[in-house]
């Protein structure tokens, strides 16, 4: 549940103020003569609802199934306190990665039972294999819900303690060879959507998809021929109850603090970028859009941020046209790294210099 100061209070036609909140599918309307009065009532109501939610745990026993306890922990502890994407990852674990153990009672689950479950996730469904990072997330989530069970005096020890993450055989990152790289560039130039020039930009800069899609015109430094990378565009899960959408497009900080940097472009690449920008200005003029430096550099048909999933569909079509298989968008980043290493460029030092400038 959101905090009181995160709700938007509306003024009514009768000059009173009101706000509506949702909890467990129920709607609560709060009214007042002033915003301050509504805010005070809202804070008290949120506190009451949270206490009521926490009190539900009193009825849980060690006979409760793991799946039921995990769902209760998700709604009671996680939903009010974690980011939307973290909540979504927990939800995925409950729905997809507790099969075979989720129907066990909390008091029945042992250390070896959990270890065998994680070992089986290595060959999930006998076909797909979860990577070590995902299996670690499952282990950490299980440890979290069992710790909550201990805090509520439901069990006395955490069966996840001492669990080992199954080792994986590392596979080398996929990168395009030169023939594939040239085929990709050719396919991009023949593709009807000019915003896919961004894929060429990714090949030669190593930018992540979210970083590319978050670029605004103001991020292009035409004097120094560089791009300012300081944000990313992503779709994040919406934990607000009563919302029609399960996720929202959001601008967020980059993946890590060191990801905030300048990326310098060589002359011919910057010239191509300028050509793209000129073509995009003509497109805006033809379609009746006024130009603003805060516009996204690679926008959709409505001159707004493009949906990442739609963008990825365009990318997959380009791969098909180029006759390239088994390559996700991150392959472009690996390709950039590979070309740097082949040319004798120290990408670690290069990144550090770009971060400091």
Protein backbone atom coordinates (compact mmCIF):
# COMPACT_ATOMS: atom_id res chain seq x y z
CA UNK A 1 0.00 0.00 0.00
CA UNK A 2 1.24 3.49 -0.84
CA UNK A 3 2.09 6.07 1.79
CA UNK A 4 -0.39 8.85 2.57
CA UNK A 5 1.64 11.54 0.79
CA UNK A 6 1.70 9.45 -2.40
CA UNK A 7 -2.07 9.67 -2.93
CA UNK A 8 -3.58 12.47 -5.00
CA UNK A 9 -6.37 14.30 -3.20
CA UNK A 10 -9.14 15.63 -5.44
CA UNK A 11 -11.33 18.70 -4.94
CA UNK A 12 -15.05 17.97 -5.37
CA UNK A 13 -17.76 20.15 -6.89
CA UNK A 14 -19.16 20.78 -3.38
CA UNK A 15 -15.73 22.26 -2.45
CA UNK A 16 -14.90 19.32 -0.19
CA UNK A 17 -11.82 17.18 -0.75
CA UNK A 18 -11.66 13.42 -1.19
CA UNK A 19 -9.35 10.51 -1.93
CA UNK A 20 -10.00 6.87 -2.79
CA UNK A 21 -7.83 3.93 -1.79
CA UNK A 22 -8.03 0.20 -2.52
CA UNK A 23 -7.15 -2.71 -0.24
CA UNK A 24 -7.85 -6.38 -0.98
CA UNK A 25 -10.35 -5.45 -3.68
CA UNK A 26 -12.29 -3.07 -1.43
CA UNK A 27 -12.61 0.65 -2.08
CA UNK A 28 -12.46 3.23 0.69
CA UNK A 29 -13.43 6.89 0.15
CA UNK A 30 -12.22 9.54 2.58
CA UNK A 31 -13.69 13.05 2.70
CA UNK A 32 -12.76 16.30 4.42
CA UNK A 33 -13.21 20.05 4.32
CA UNK A 34 -9.48 20.60 3.66
CA UNK A 35 -6.63 18.66 2.11
CA UNK A 36 -4.95 18.54 5.50
CA UNK A 37 -7.98 16.92 7.08
CA UNK A 38 -8.20 14.33 4.33
CA UNK A 39 -4.46 13.63 4.59
CA UNK A 40 -4.77 13.06 8.35
CA UNK A 41 -7.76 10.73 7.95
CA UNK A 42 -5.95 8.92 5.14
CA UNK A 43 -2.87 8.27 7.27
CA UNK A 44 -5.03 6.79 10.05
CA UNK A 45 -6.94 4.61 7.58
CA UNK A 46 -3.75 3.26 6.02
CA UNK A 47 -2.42 2.43 9.50
CA UNK A 48 -5.66 0.60 10.35
CA UNK A 49 -5.59 -1.41 7.12
CA UNK A 50 -1.96 -2.38 7.59
CA UNK A 51 -2.58 -3.50 11.16
CA UNK A 52 -5.58 -5.52 10.02
CA UNK A 53 -3.44 -7.15 7.34
CA UNK A 54 -0.70 -8.02 9.82
CA UNK A 55 -3.23 -9.47 12.25
CA UNK A 56 -4.19 -12.06 9.65
CA UNK A 57 -0.87 -13.77 10.32
CA UNK A 58 -2.07 -14.70 13.80
CA UNK A 59 -4.23 -17.40 12.23
CA UNK A 60 -1.35 -19.09 10.42
CA UNK A 61 0.05 -22.32 11.83
CA UNK A 62 2.88 -24.66 10.94
CA UNK A 63 0.27 -26.78 9.11
CA UNK A 64 -0.14 -24.00 6.54
CA UNK A 65 1.08 -24.85 3.03
CA UNK A 66 4.21 -23.08 1.81
CA UNK A 67 2.39 -21.64 -1.23
CA UNK A 68 -0.28 -20.05 0.97
CA UNK A 69 2.26 -18.63 3.40
CA UNK A 70 4.39 -17.29 0.53
CA UNK A 71 1.38 -15.48 -0.96
CA UNK A 72 0.50 -14.00 2.43
CA UNK A 73 4.07 -12.78 2.94
CA UNK A 74 4.06 -11.30 -0.56
CA UNK A 75 0.95 -9.22 0.12
CA UNK A 76 1.70 -8.35 3.75
CA UNK A 77 5.45 -7.68 3.81
CA UNK A 78 6.66 -7.26 0.23
CA UNK A 79 3.93 -5.34 -1.56
CA UNK A 80 4.09 -2.21 0.62
CA UNK A 81 7.89 -2.13 0.78
CA UNK A 82 9.54 -3.32 -2.43
CA UNK A 83 9.80 -1.94 -5.94
CA UNK A 84 7.31 -3.11 -8.53
CA UNK A 85 9.80 -5.27 -10.42
CA UNK A 86 10.93 -6.98 -7.21
CA UNK A 87 7.30 -7.74 -6.38
CA UNK A 88 6.83 -9.13 -9.90
CA UNK A 89 9.88 -11.39 -9.56
CA UNK A 90 8.55 -12.76 -6.25
CA UNK A 91 5.17 -13.36 -7.89
CA UNK A 92 6.87 -15.27 -10.72
CA UNK A 93 8.70 -17.47 -8.23
CA UNK A 94 5.44 -18.35 -6.46
CA UNK A 95 3.60 -19.07 -9.70
CA UNK A 96 6.31 -20.87 -11.63
CA UNK A 97 9.10 -22.19 -9.40
CA UNK A 98 7.53 -23.73 -6.29
CA UNK A 99 5.89 -26.69 -8.02
CA UNK A 100 6.50 -29.86 -6.01
CA UNK A 101 7.30 -28.05 -2.78
CA UNK A 102 4.65 -25.35 -2.56
CA UNK A 103 1.93 -27.79 -1.44
CA UNK A 104 4.06 -29.00 1.50
CA UNK A 105 3.25 -27.84 5.03
CA UNK A 106 5.69 -25.41 6.63
CA UNK A 107 6.47 -27.91 9.39
CA UNK A 108 7.24 -30.67 6.84
CA UNK A 109 9.82 -28.86 4.75
CA UNK A 110 13.41 -29.88 5.40
CA UNK A 111 16.80 -28.64 4.26
CA UNK A 112 17.38 -31.58 1.93
CA UNK A 113 13.90 -31.11 0.43
CA UNK A 114 14.75 -27.55 -0.56
CA UNK A 115 18.19 -28.55 -1.85
CA UNK A 116 16.62 -31.21 -4.09
CA UNK A 117 14.06 -28.67 -5.30
CA UNK A 118 16.77 -26.21 -6.35
CA UNK A 119 18.74 -29.02 -8.00
CA UNK A 120 15.65 -29.90 -10.02
CA UNK A 121 15.22 -26.28 -11.10
CA UNK A 122 18.53 -26.60 -12.90
CA UNK A 123 16.65 -28.82 -15.39
CA UNK A 124 13.21 -27.24 -15.02
CA UNK A 125 10.46 -29.24 -16.78
CA UNK A 126 13.19 -31.55 -18.03
CA UNK A 127 13.85 -29.10 -20.85
CA UNK A 128 14.38 -25.49 -19.80
CA UNK A 129 17.23 -24.72 -17.46
CA UNK A 130 17.13 -21.91 -14.93
CA UNK A 131 20.40 -20.05 -14.59
CA UNK A 132 22.26 -19.70 -11.32
CA UNK A 133 21.05 -16.15 -10.80
CA UNK A 134 17.39 -17.19 -11.00
CA UNK A 135 17.92 -20.19 -8.74
CA UNK A 136 19.65 -17.91 -6.23
CA UNK A 137 16.59 -15.64 -6.34
CA UNK A 138 14.36 -18.62 -5.54
CA UNK A 139 16.59 -19.61 -2.62
CA UNK A 140 16.65 -16.06 -1.25
CA UNK A 141 12.88 -15.74 -1.53
CA UNK A 142 12.35 -19.02 0.31
CA UNK A 143 14.77 -17.91 3.02
CA UNK A 144 12.82 -14.66 3.32
CA UNK A 145 9.42 -16.30 3.79
CA UNK A 146 10.78 -18.81 6.30
CA UNK A 147 12.38 -15.98 8.28
CA UNK A 148 8.97 -14.31 8.41
CA UNK A 149 7.56 -17.60 9.70
CA UNK A 150 10.17 -17.59 12.48
CA UNK A 151 9.37 -13.97 13.36
CA UNK A 152 5.70 -14.95 13.75
CA UNK A 153 6.55 -18.00 15.94
CA UNK A 154 5.20 -20.42 13.34
CA UNK A 155 8.43 -22.42 13.03
CA UNK A 156 11.67 -22.37 15.03
CA UNK A 157 14.36 -22.73 12.37
CA UNK A 158 14.95 -21.75 8.75
CA UNK A 159 15.35 -24.87 6.54
CA UNK A 160 17.06 -22.80 3.83
CA UNK A 161 20.22 -22.28 5.91
CA UNK A 162 23.22 -23.97 4.33
CA UNK A 163 21.56 -24.51 0.95
CA UNK A 164 24.00 -24.52 -1.99
CA UNK A 165 23.27 -23.10 -5.43
CA UNK A 166 23.75 -25.87 -8.04
CA UNK A 167 26.79 -25.19 -10.17
CA UNK A 168 26.27 -24.43 -13.82
CA UNK A 169 28.51 -25.05 -16.78
CA UNK A 170 29.34 -21.51 -17.94
CA UNK A 171 28.63 -20.76 -21.57
CA UNK A 172 30.49 -18.02 -23.43
CA UNK A 173 28.45 -14.89 -24.18
CA UNK A 174 27.01 -14.73 -27.67
CA UNK A 175 28.52 -12.09 -29.95
CA UNK A 176 28.07 -11.51 -33.68
CA UNK A 177 30.96 -12.39 -35.92
CA UNK A 178 31.87 -9.79 -38.54
CA UNK A 179 29.73 -11.41 -41.21
CA UNK A 180 26.67 -11.38 -38.93
CA UNK A 181 27.40 -7.83 -37.83
CA UNK A 182 27.47 -6.56 -41.40
CA UNK A 183 24.32 -8.54 -42.23
CA UNK A 184 22.57 -6.96 -39.26
CA UNK A 185 23.60 -3.43 -40.27
CA UNK A 186 22.41 -4.07 -43.83
CA UNK A 187 19.05 -5.39 -42.56
CA UNK A 188 18.63 -2.34 -40.29
CA UNK A 189 19.20 0.06 -43.19
CA UNK A 190 16.62 -1.81 -45.29
CA UNK A 191 14.06 -1.97 -42.47
CA UNK A 192 11.13 0.45 -42.92
CA UNK A 193 11.20 1.84 -39.36
CA UNK A 194 13.97 4.43 -39.17
CA UNK A 195 14.12 4.32 -35.35
CA UNK A 196 15.86 0.94 -35.67
CA UNK A 197 19.02 2.87 -36.49
CA UNK A 198 19.30 2.54 -32.71
CA UNK A 199 20.42 -1.09 -33.20
CA UNK A 200 23.44 0.13 -35.20
CA UNK A 201 24.13 2.62 -32.43
CA UNK A 202 24.03 -0.24 -29.93
CA UNK A 203 26.53 -2.31 -31.93
CA UNK A 204 29.08 0.51 -31.89
CA UNK A 205 28.48 1.81 -28.35
CA UNK A 206 27.41 -1.20 -26.24
CA UNK A 207 24.35 0.64 -24.92
CA UNK A 208 21.68 -1.43 -23.21
CA UNK A 209 18.16 -1.49 -24.66
CA UNK A 210 16.72 0.50 -21.76
CA UNK A 211 19.46 3.11 -22.08
CA UNK A 212 18.82 3.52 -25.80
CA UNK A 213 15.07 3.90 -25.43
CA UNK A 214 15.48 6.47 -22.64
CA UNK A 215 17.68 8.75 -24.76
CA UNK A 216 16.25 12.22 -25.33
CA UNK A 217 17.32 14.76 -27.91
CA UNK A 218 18.89 16.81 -25.12
CA UNK A 219 21.22 13.88 -24.35
CA UNK A 220 23.00 14.33 -27.69
CA UNK A 221 26.01 16.60 -27.26
CA UNK A 222 26.58 17.83 -30.82
CA UNK A 223 29.72 19.79 -29.93
CA UNK A 224 31.62 16.94 -28.27
CA UNK A 225 29.96 14.20 -30.35
CA UNK A 226 28.83 12.20 -27.35
CA UNK A 227 25.72 10.81 -25.65
CA UNK A 228 24.81 11.40 -22.00
CA UNK A 229 23.72 8.11 -20.44
CA UNK A 230 21.94 8.80 -17.16
CA UNK A 231 18.64 6.87 -17.21
CA UNK A 232 16.86 3.84 -18.60
CA UNK A 233 13.35 3.07 -19.80
CA UNK A 234 11.69 -0.07 -18.48
CA UNK A 235 8.30 -1.58 -17.83
CA UNK A 236 7.80 -2.05 -14.10
CA UNK A 237 5.12 -3.97 -12.26
CA UNK A 238 2.38 -1.81 -10.73
CA UNK A 239 1.53 -2.91 -7.19
CA UNK A 240 -1.29 -0.36 -6.79
CA UNK A 241 -4.47 -2.29 -6.18
CA UNK A 242 -7.38 -1.38 -8.37
CA UNK A 243 -5.18 -0.34 -11.26
CA UNK A 244 -6.24 -1.41 -14.76
CA UNK A 245 -2.66 -2.02 -15.83
CA UNK A 246 -0.30 -4.55 -14.27
CA UNK A 247 2.77 -2.55 -15.21
CA UNK A 248 3.86 0.94 -16.25
CA UNK A 249 6.52 2.38 -18.50
CA UNK A 250 8.91 4.25 -16.24
CA UNK A 251 12.15 6.18 -16.47
CA UNK A 252 14.56 4.99 -13.80
CA UNK A 253 18.26 5.39 -12.94
CA UNK A 254 20.68 3.18 -14.92
CA UNK A 255 21.43 -0.37 -13.86
CA UNK A 256 24.37 0.69 -11.65
CA UNK A 257 25.89 3.96 -10.47
CA UNK A 258 28.87 3.44 -12.80
CA UNK A 259 26.46 3.17 -15.73
CA UNK A 260 26.02 6.95 -15.62
CA UNK A 261 28.52 8.06 -18.25
CA UNK A 262 29.25 9.78 -21.54
CA UNK A 263 29.59 7.66 -24.66
CA UNK A 264 31.69 9.21 -27.40
CA UNK A 265 30.91 8.53 -31.07
CA UNK A 266 33.44 8.25 -33.87
CA UNK A 267 32.96 10.71 -36.73
CA UNK A 268 31.13 8.53 -39.24
CA UNK A 269 28.77 7.14 -36.60
CA UNK A 270 27.97 10.64 -35.35
CA UNK A 271 27.31 11.69 -38.94
CA UNK A 272 24.84 8.81 -39.30
CA UNK A 273 23.18 9.87 -36.06
CA UNK A 274 22.82 13.42 -37.38
CA UNK A 275 21.28 12.09 -40.59
CA UNK A 276 18.82 10.08 -38.52
CA UNK A 277 17.94 13.14 -36.43
CA UNK A 278 17.35 15.26 -39.53
CA UNK A 279 15.09 12.56 -40.96
CA UNK A 280 13.24 12.39 -37.67
CA UNK A 281 12.69 16.15 -37.66
CA UNK A 282 11.14 15.86 -41.13
CA UNK A 283 8.95 13.03 -39.85
CA UNK A 284 7.75 15.19 -36.96
CA UNK A 285 6.95 18.05 -39.31
CA UNK A 286 5.07 15.77 -41.72
CA UNK A 287 3.02 14.30 -38.88
CA UNK A 288 2.25 17.54 -37.06
CA UNK A 289 4.47 17.07 -34.02
CA UNK A 290 6.25 20.05 -32.50
CA UNK A 291 9.85 19.30 -31.70
CA UNK A 292 11.07 19.44 -28.10
CA UNK A 293 14.52 18.57 -26.79
CA UNK A 294 12.85 16.43 -24.11
CA UNK A 295 11.34 14.17 -26.80
CA UNK A 296 12.65 10.63 -26.97
CA UNK A 297 15.27 10.13 -29.66
CA UNK A 298 13.75 6.78 -30.64
CA UNK A 299 10.00 7.27 -30.26
CA UNK A 300 6.86 5.49 -31.41
CA UNK A 301 4.34 6.64 -34.02
CA UNK A 302 2.81 9.05 -31.49
CA UNK A 303 6.19 10.63 -30.70
CA UNK A 304 6.18 9.04 -27.25
CA UNK A 305 8.37 6.48 -25.50
CA UNK A 306 8.26 3.24 -27.44
CA UNK A 307 7.06 0.09 -25.71
CA UNK A 308 10.19 -2.08 -25.11
CA UNK A 309 8.36 -5.25 -26.11
CA UNK A 310 7.24 -3.69 -29.41
CA UNK A 311 10.77 -2.45 -30.02
CA UNK A 312 12.10 -5.95 -29.40
CA UNK A 313 9.66 -7.31 -31.98
CA UNK A 314 11.18 -4.97 -34.56
CA UNK A 315 14.63 -6.19 -33.56
CA UNK A 316 13.60 -9.85 -33.99
CA UNK A 317 12.23 -9.05 -37.45
CA UNK A 318 15.56 -7.51 -38.40
CA UNK A 319 17.41 -10.60 -37.17
CA UNK A 320 15.13 -12.78 -39.29
CA UNK A 321 15.72 -10.60 -42.33
CA UNK A 322 19.47 -10.84 -41.72
CA UNK A 323 19.34 -14.63 -41.36
CA UNK A 324 20.69 -14.48 -37.78
CA UNK A 325 19.58 -16.93 -35.09
CA UNK A 326 20.02 -17.25 -31.33
CA UNK A 327 20.73 -13.60 -30.54
CA UNK A 328 18.92 -11.44 -28.01
CA UNK A 329 19.37 -7.68 -27.81
CA UNK A 330 22.17 -8.01 -25.27
CA UNK A 331 24.15 -9.74 -28.04
CA UNK A 332 24.75 -6.25 -29.45
CA UNK A 333 26.48 -5.26 -26.21
CA UNK A 334 28.61 -8.41 -26.27
CA UNK A 335 29.47 -7.67 -29.91
CA UNK A 336 30.69 -4.20 -29.00
CA UNK A 337 32.88 -5.67 -26.24
CA UNK A 338 34.24 -8.35 -28.57
CA UNK A 339 35.18 -5.83 -31.29
CA UNK A 340 36.93 -3.68 -28.65
CA UNK A 341 38.97 -6.63 -27.41
CA UNK A 342 39.83 -7.68 -30.95
CA UNK A 343 41.12 -4.14 -31.59
CA UNK A 344 43.22 -4.14 -28.43
CA UNK A 345 41.03 -1.59 -26.61
CA UNK A 346 40.90 -1.81 -22.82
CA UNK A 347 37.15 -1.47 -22.31
CA UNK A 348 37.48 -1.16 -18.53
CA UNK A 349 39.73 1.88 -18.79
CA UNK A 350 37.63 3.28 -21.62
CA UNK A 351 34.49 3.01 -19.52
CA UNK A 352 36.17 4.64 -16.52
CA UNK A 353 37.34 7.58 -18.65
CA UNK A 354 33.86 8.04 -20.12
CA UNK A 355 32.35 7.94 -16.64
CA UNK A 356 34.66 10.65 -15.33
CA UNK A 357 34.35 13.05 -18.27
